[in-house]
Amino acid sequence: MSFRALRRPAALAAVSALVGVALAGCALVPSARETVLPPAPAPVASTSVPTVAPSTAAPVPAPPAVVGDEMDCGGAAVQLSGADQDFTLVGECPEVTAGGTELDIDMTRATVGTFLLNGDRNDVDVASVGAIVVGGQDNEIDASAVTQLTLNGERNEVEADGRIDAVTVSGNDNRVTAGSLGTVADQGQRNTLAAR
């Protein structure tokens, strides 16, 4: 037997022994788990008296006030959301945003600047409004008069007793009826836009 043949088993035995010793320190030993939290910060004594500086920023309108079943916008923007709920808005409403399904929104006693509707199967009654933007399907809106109407959806119905100054439709199967219509941009298919 050659010297080389004897060295190989000896080398393998030495390497195996070293690996065994090295891994012996890695064995898992069960021990109790301990959670250590940092100490609580010490209270800081304050010697200064807080002062309030006068603000030069414009006052922010208060959030809408709810009185009974009515919500008074109070000059603030309003956001409505949910499913199968009734809302009645009154007062000055510069912007109303509604998102949901099967909402019943009455704004006939509110002054609305812009109404943004995202959702499906909502029923909306509004007096005169500056702009209405609808994104969704199967919504019904009854209005007195509208300055700008934008429909981005399918099967929406808008009826205005008075005039709609401008109509833009980007969906299909929508129906718009008004006392009179101003400019019309119909970019969809099977839409019905008519003046009575």
C-alpha atoms as a PDB file:
ATOM      1  CA  MET A   1       0.000   0.000   0.000  1.00  0.00           C
ATOM      2  CA  SER A   2       1.357   3.381  -0.857  1.00  0.00           C
ATOM      3  CA  PHE A   3       1.881   6.365   1.381  1.00  0.00           C
ATOM      4  CA  ARG A   4      -0.747   8.289  -0.608  1.00  0.00           C
ATOM      5  CA  ALA A   5      -3.395   5.637  -0.002  1.00  0.00           C
ATOM      6  CA  LEU A   6      -2.761   5.831   3.751  1.00  0.00           C
ATOM      7  CA  ARG A   7      -2.906   9.654   3.802  1.00  0.00           C
ATOM      8  CA  ARG A   8      -6.376   9.891   2.265  1.00  0.00           C
ATOM      9  CA  PRO A   9      -8.294   7.967   5.010  1.00  0.00           C
ATOM     10  CA  ALA A  10      -6.278   9.749   7.684  1.00  0.00           C
ATOM     11  CA  ALA A  11      -7.072  13.135   6.140  1.00  0.00           C
ATOM     12  CA  LEU A  12     -10.772  12.278   5.888  1.00  0.00           C
ATOM     13  CA  ALA A  13     -10.840  11.153   9.495  1.00  0.00           C
ATOM     14  CA  ALA A  14      -9.151  14.391  10.621  1.00  0.00           C
ATOM     15  CA  VAL A  15     -11.575  16.577   8.640  1.00  0.00           C
ATOM     16  CA  SER A  16     -14.558  14.630   9.979  1.00  0.00           C
ATOM     17  CA  ALA A  17     -13.319  15.068  13.523  1.00  0.00           C
ATOM     18  CA  LEU A  18     -12.891  18.837  13.043  1.00  0.00           C
ATOM     19  CA  VAL A  19     -16.355  19.220  11.524  1.00  0.00           C
ATOM     20  CA  GLY A  20     -17.846  17.185  14.382  1.00  0.00           C
ATOM     21  CA  VAL A  21     -16.155  19.404  16.988  1.00  0.00           C
ATOM     22  CA  ALA A  22     -17.213  22.584  15.193  1.00  0.00           C
ATOM     23  CA  LEU A  23     -20.846  21.500  14.924  1.00  0.00           C
ATOM     24  CA  ALA A  24     -21.015  20.296  18.508  1.00  0.00           C
ATOM     25  CA  GLY A  25     -21.185  23.916  19.641  1.00  0.00           C
ATOM     26  CA  CYS A  26     -24.200  24.530  17.372  1.00  0.00           C
ATOM     27  CA  ALA A  27     -26.497  22.012  19.015  1.00  0.00           C
ATOM     28  CA  LEU A  28     -29.876  23.346  20.144  1.00  0.00           C
ATOM     29  CA  VAL A  29     -30.283  23.368  23.878  1.00  0.00           C
ATOM     30  CA  PRO A  30     -33.768  24.131  25.195  1.00  0.00           C
ATOM     31  CA  SER A  31     -33.857  27.111  27.524  1.00  0.00           C
ATOM     32  CA  ALA A  32     -36.440  29.501  28.914  1.00  0.00           C
ATOM     33  CA  ARG A  33     -37.332  32.437  26.637  1.00  0.00           C
ATOM     34  CA  GLU A  34     -36.941  35.871  28.176  1.00  0.00           C
ATOM     35  CA  THR A  35     -38.290  39.125  26.773  1.00  0.00           C
ATOM     36  CA  VAL A  36     -36.321  42.219  27.681  1.00  0.00           C
ATOM     37  CA  LEU A  37     -37.925  45.635  27.310  1.00  0.00           C
ATOM     38  CA  PRO A  38     -36.088  48.950  27.497  1.00  0.00           C
ATOM     39  CA  PRO A  39     -36.692  50.956  30.658  1.00  0.00           C
ATOM     40  CA  ALA A  40     -39.468  53.561  30.557  1.00  0.00           C
ATOM     41  CA  PRO A  41     -38.236  57.091  29.872  1.00  0.00           C
ATOM     42  CA  ALA A  42     -37.958  59.317  32.898  1.00  0.00           C
ATOM     43  CA  PRO A  43     -40.543  62.136  33.095  1.00  0.00           C
ATOM     44  CA  VAL A  44     -39.229  65.481  31.933  1.00  0.00           C
ATOM     45  CA  ALA A  45     -40.063  68.486  34.023  1.00  0.00           C
ATOM     46  CA  SER A  46     -41.069  71.503  31.997  1.00  0.00           C
ATOM     47  CA  THR A  47     -40.383  74.960  33.309  1.00  0.00           C
ATOM     48  CA  SER A  48     -41.789  76.867  30.343  1.00  0.00           C
ATOM     49  CA  VAL A  49     -45.414  77.819  29.904  1.00  0.00           C
ATOM     50  CA  PRO A  50     -46.843  77.022  26.465  1.00  0.00           C
ATOM     51  CA  THR A  51     -47.982  80.024  24.461  1.00  0.00           C
ATOM     52  CA  VAL A  52     -50.321  80.265  21.511  1.00  0.00           C
ATOM     53  CA  ALA A  53     -49.235  82.488  18.661  1.00  0.00           C
ATOM     54  CA  PRO A  54     -51.902  84.116  16.515  1.00  0.00           C
ATOM     55  CA  SER A  55     -52.436  82.280  13.234  1.00  0.00           C
ATOM     56  CA  THR A  56     -52.295  84.020   9.883  1.00  0.00           C
ATOM     57  CA  ALA A  57     -53.704  81.007   8.004  1.00  0.00           C
ATOM     58  CA  ALA A  58     -57.222  81.124   6.613  1.00  0.00           C
ATOM     59  CA  PRO A  59     -59.761  79.472   8.892  1.00  0.00           C
ATOM     60  CA  VAL A  60     -60.655  75.908   7.980  1.00  0.00           C
ATOM     61  CA  PRO A  61     -64.401  75.302   7.729  1.00  0.00           C
ATOM     62  CA  ALA A  62     -65.788  73.032  10.401  1.00  0.00           C
ATOM     63  CA  PRO A  63     -66.766  69.497   9.371  1.00  0.00           C
ATOM     64  CA  PRO A  64     -70.399  69.002   8.451  1.00  0.00           C
ATOM     65  CA  ALA A  65     -72.806  69.102  11.366  1.00  0.00           C
ATOM     66  CA  VAL A  66     -75.362  66.319  11.609  1.00  0.00           C
ATOM     67  CA  VAL A  67     -78.749  67.401  12.916  1.00  0.00           C
ATOM     68  CA  GLY A  68     -81.289  64.604  13.009  1.00  0.00           C
ATOM     69  CA  ASP A  69     -81.206  62.942   9.591  1.00  0.00           C
ATOM     70  CA  GLU A  70     -79.660  65.987   7.879  1.00  0.00           C
ATOM     71  CA  MET A  71     -76.035  66.918   7.374  1.00  0.00           C
ATOM     72  CA  ASP A  72     -75.268  70.654   7.127  1.00  0.00           C
ATOM     73  CA  CYS A  73     -72.174  71.121   4.954  1.00  0.00           C
ATOM     74  CA  GLY A  74     -71.429  74.464   6.609  1.00  0.00           C
ATOM     75  CA  GLY A  75     -69.269  75.582   3.665  1.00  0.00           C
ATOM     76  CA  ALA A  76     -66.991  72.529   3.901  1.00  0.00           C
ATOM     77  CA  ALA A  77     -66.296  69.766   1.400  1.00  0.00           C
ATOM     78  CA  VAL A  78     -68.204  66.584   2.221  1.00  0.00           C
ATOM     79  CA  GLN A  79     -67.372  62.921   1.569  1.00  0.00           C
ATOM     80  CA  LEU A  80     -70.080  60.263   1.655  1.00  0.00           C
ATOM     81  CA  SER A  81     -69.485  56.536   1.397  1.00  0.00           C
ATOM     82  CA  GLY A  82     -71.066  53.221   2.182  1.00  0.00           C
ATOM     83  CA  ALA A  83     -73.630  50.812   0.878  1.00  0.00           C
ATOM     84  CA  ASP A  84     -77.410  50.985   1.078  1.00  0.00           C
ATOM     85  CA  GLN A  85     -77.473  54.247   3.078  1.00  0.00           C
ATOM     86  CA  ASP A  86     -79.535  57.464   2.945  1.00  0.00           C
ATOM     87  CA  PHE A  87     -77.971  60.941   3.142  1.00  0.00           C
ATOM     88  CA  THR A  88     -79.638  64.372   3.223  1.00  0.00           C
ATOM     89  CA  LEU A  89     -77.398  67.408   2.763  1.00  0.00           C
ATOM     90  CA  VAL A  90     -78.354  71.038   3.414  1.00  0.00           C
ATOM     91  CA  GLY A  91     -76.495  74.361   3.383  1.00  0.00           C
ATOM     92  CA  GLU A  92     -73.450  75.462   1.386  1.00  0.00           C
ATOM     93  CA  CYS A  93     -71.616  72.443  -0.068  1.00  0.00           C
ATOM     94  CA  PRO A  94     -68.728  73.578  -2.291  1.00  0.00           C
ATOM     95  CA  GLU A  95     -67.801  69.966  -3.132  1.00  0.00           C
ATOM     96  CA  VAL A  96     -69.566  66.700  -2.410  1.00  0.00           C
ATOM     97  CA  THR A  97     -67.795  63.404  -3.126  1.00  0.00           C
ATOM     98  CA  ALA A  98     -69.816  60.203  -2.879  1.00  0.00           C
ATOM     99  CA  GLY A  99     -68.580  56.658  -3.331  1.00  0.00           C
ATOM    100  CA  GLY A 100     -70.586  53.566  -2.719  1.00  0.00           C
ATOM    101  CA  THR A 101     -73.371  51.311  -3.812  1.00  0.00           C
ATOM    102  CA  GLU A 102     -77.115  51.894  -3.564  1.00  0.00           C
ATOM    103  CA  LEU A 103     -76.759  55.256  -1.813  1.00  0.00           C
ATOM    104  CA  ASP A 104     -79.809  57.538  -1.705  1.00  0.00           C
ATOM    105  CA  ILE A 105     -78.559  61.147  -1.605  1.00  0.00           C
ATOM    106  CA  ASP A 106     -80.899  64.138  -1.260  1.00  0.00           C
ATOM    107  CA  MET A 107     -79.245  67.520  -1.919  1.00  0.00           C
ATOM    108  CA  THR A 108     -82.373  69.426  -2.992  1.00  0.00           C
ATOM    109  CA  ARG A 109     -81.990  71.898  -0.093  1.00  0.00           C
ATOM    110  CA  ALA A 110     -78.232  72.346  -0.540  1.00  0.00           C
ATOM    111  CA  THR A 111     -76.210  74.693  -2.718  1.00  0.00           C
ATOM    112  CA  VAL A 112     -73.702  72.375  -4.409  1.00  0.00           C
ATOM    113  CA  GLY A 113     -70.675  73.581  -6.374  1.00  0.00           C
ATOM    114  CA  THR A 114     -69.292  70.237  -7.610  1.00  0.00           C
ATOM    115  CA  PHE A 115     -70.698  66.738  -7.167  1.00  0.00           C
ATOM    116  CA  LEU A 116     -68.377  63.757  -7.772  1.00  0.00           C
ATOM    117  CA  LEU A 117     -70.013  60.315  -7.805  1.00  0.00           C
ATOM    118  CA  ASN A 118     -68.138  57.007  -7.985  1.00  0.00           C
ATOM    119  CA  GLY A 119     -70.129  53.855  -7.539  1.00  0.00           C
ATOM    120  CA  ASP A 120     -73.034  51.826  -8.793  1.00  0.00           C
ATOM    121  CA  ARG A 121     -76.827  51.935  -8.460  1.00  0.00           C
ATOM    122  CA  ASN A 122     -76.950  55.246  -6.567  1.00  0.00           C
ATOM    123  CA  ASP A 123     -80.018  57.526  -6.567  1.00  0.00           C
ATOM    124  CA  VAL A 124     -79.293  61.270  -6.314  1.00  0.00           C
ATOM    125  CA  ASP A 125     -81.589  64.309  -6.146  1.00  0.00           C
ATOM    126  CA  VAL A 126     -79.934  67.717  -6.378  1.00  0.00           C
ATOM    127  CA  ALA A 127     -81.069  71.287  -7.020  1.00  0.00           C
ATOM    128  CA  SER A 128     -78.921  73.470  -9.276  1.00  0.00           C
ATOM    129  CA  VAL A 129     -75.302  72.340  -9.355  1.00  0.00           C
ATOM    130  CA  GLY A 130     -72.148  73.692 -10.974  1.00  0.00           C
ATOM    131  CA  ALA A 131     -70.597  70.409 -12.093  1.00  0.00           C
ATOM    132  CA  ILE A 132     -71.507  66.739 -11.895  1.00  0.00           C
ATOM    133  CA  VAL A 133     -68.893  64.059 -12.635  1.00  0.00           C
ATOM    134  CA  VAL A 134     -70.093  60.445 -12.614  1.00  0.00           C
ATOM    135  CA  GLY A 135     -67.880  57.361 -12.714  1.00  0.00           C
ATOM    136  CA  GLY A 136     -69.772  54.125 -12.340  1.00  0.00           C
ATOM    137  CA  GLN A 137     -72.769  52.221 -13.592  1.00  0.00           C
ATOM    138  CA  ASP A 138     -76.540  52.340 -13.246  1.00  0.00           C
ATOM    139  CA  ASN A 139     -76.713  55.640 -11.334  1.00  0.00           C
ATOM    140  CA  GLU A 140     -79.791  57.891 -11.483  1.00  0.00           C
ATOM    141  CA  ILE A 141     -79.494  61.651 -10.964  1.00  0.00           C
ATOM    142  CA  ASP A 142     -82.370  64.157 -10.964  1.00  0.00           C
ATOM    143  CA  ALA A 143     -81.359  67.828 -10.990  1.00  0.00           C
ATOM    144  CA  SER A 144     -82.933  71.241 -11.456  1.00  0.00           C
ATOM    145  CA  ALA A 145     -80.107  72.610 -13.627  1.00  0.00           C
ATOM    146  CA  VAL A 146     -76.468  71.683 -14.306  1.00  0.00           C
ATOM    147  CA  THR A 147     -73.614  73.790 -15.659  1.00  0.00           C
ATOM    148  CA  GLN A 148     -71.241  70.911 -16.604  1.00  0.00           C
ATOM    149  CA  LEU A 149     -72.113  67.190 -16.750  1.00  0.00           C
ATOM    150  CA  THR A 150     -69.443  64.505 -17.312  1.00  0.00           C
ATOM    151  CA  LEU A 151     -70.407  60.820 -17.527  1.00  0.00           C
ATOM    152  CA  ASN A 152     -67.649  58.186 -17.407  1.00  0.00           C
ATOM    153  CA  GLY A 153     -69.538  54.956 -17.068  1.00  0.00           C
ATOM    154  CA  GLU A 154     -72.319  52.784 -18.346  1.00  0.00           C
ATOM    155  CA  ARG A 155     -76.120  52.905 -18.113  1.00  0.00           C
ATOM    156  CA  ASN A 156     -76.301  56.133 -16.082  1.00  0.00           C
ATOM    157  CA  GLU A 157     -79.444  58.286 -16.258  1.00  0.00           C
ATOM    158  CA  VAL A 158     -79.423  62.046 -15.692  1.00  0.00           C
ATOM    159  CA  GLU A 159     -82.570  64.124 -15.878  1.00  0.00           C
ATOM    160  CA  ALA A 160     -82.593  67.901 -15.467  1.00  0.00           C
ATOM    161  CA  ASP A 161     -85.748  69.990 -15.306  1.00  0.00           C
ATOM    162  CA  GLY A 162     -83.854  73.006 -16.633  1.00  0.00           C
ATOM    163  CA  ARG A 163     -80.758  73.431 -18.758  1.00  0.00           C
ATOM    164  CA  ILE A 164     -77.516  71.464 -18.890  1.00  0.00           C
ATOM    165  CA  ASP A 165     -74.966  73.879 -20.356  1.00  0.00           C
ATOM    166  CA  ALA A 166     -72.341  71.292 -21.358  1.00  0.00           C
ATOM    167  CA  VAL A 167     -72.393  67.481 -21.532  1.00  0.00           C
ATOM    168  CA  THR A 168     -69.421  65.136 -22.043  1.00  0.00           C
ATOM    169  CA  VAL A 169     -70.087  61.394 -22.239  1.00  0.00           C
ATOM    170  CA  SER A 170     -67.265  58.819 -22.321  1.00  0.00           C
ATOM    171  CA  GLY A 171     -69.293  55.694 -21.688  1.00  0.00           C
ATOM    172  CA  ASN A 172     -72.015  53.630 -23.288  1.00  0.00           C
ATOM    173  CA  ASP A 173     -75.781  53.254 -22.935  1.00  0.00           C
ATOM    174  CA  ASN A 174     -76.188  56.465 -20.885  1.00  0.00           C
ATOM    175  CA  ARG A 175     -79.331  58.603 -21.030  1.00  0.00           C
ATOM    176  CA  VAL A 176     -79.418  62.371 -20.511  1.00  0.00           C
ATOM    177  CA  THR A 177     -82.656  64.332 -20.674  1.00  0.00           C
ATOM    178  CA  ALA A 178     -82.970  68.066 -19.979  1.00  0.00           C
ATOM    179  CA  GLY A 179     -85.222  71.076 -20.566  1.00  0.00           C
ATOM    180  CA  SER A 180     -82.478  72.242 -22.925  1.00  0.00           C
ATOM    181  CA  LEU A 181     -78.931  71.159 -23.790  1.00  0.00           C
ATOM    182  CA  GLY A 182     -75.898  73.311 -24.568  1.00  0.00           C
ATOM    183  CA  THR A 183     -72.732  71.804 -26.041  1.00  0.00           C
ATOM    184  CA  VAL A 184     -72.605  68.014 -26.296  1.00  0.00           C
ATOM    185  CA  ALA A 185     -69.557  65.744 -26.707  1.00  0.00           C
ATOM    186  CA  ASP A 186     -70.610  62.101 -27.037  1.00  0.00           C
ATOM    187  CA  GLN A 187     -67.562  59.820 -27.164  1.00  0.00           C
ATOM    188  CA  GLY A 188     -69.421  56.602 -26.426  1.00  0.00           C
ATOM    189  CA  GLN A 189     -71.968  54.341 -28.054  1.00  0.00           C
ATOM    190  CA  ARG A 190     -75.748  54.006 -27.780  1.00  0.00           C
ATOM    191  CA  ASN A 191     -76.072  57.129 -25.593  1.00  0.00           C
ATOM    192  CA  THR A 192     -79.319  59.100 -25.662  1.00  0.00           C
ATOM    193  CA  LEU A 193     -78.897  62.859 -25.166  1.00  0.00           C
ATOM    194  CA  ALA A 194     -82.135  64.801 -25.641  1.00  0.00           C
ATOM    195  CA  ALA A 195     -83.837  68.072 -24.810  1.00  0.00           C
ATOM    196  CA  ARG A 196     -87.548  68.037 -24.038  1.00  0.00           C
END
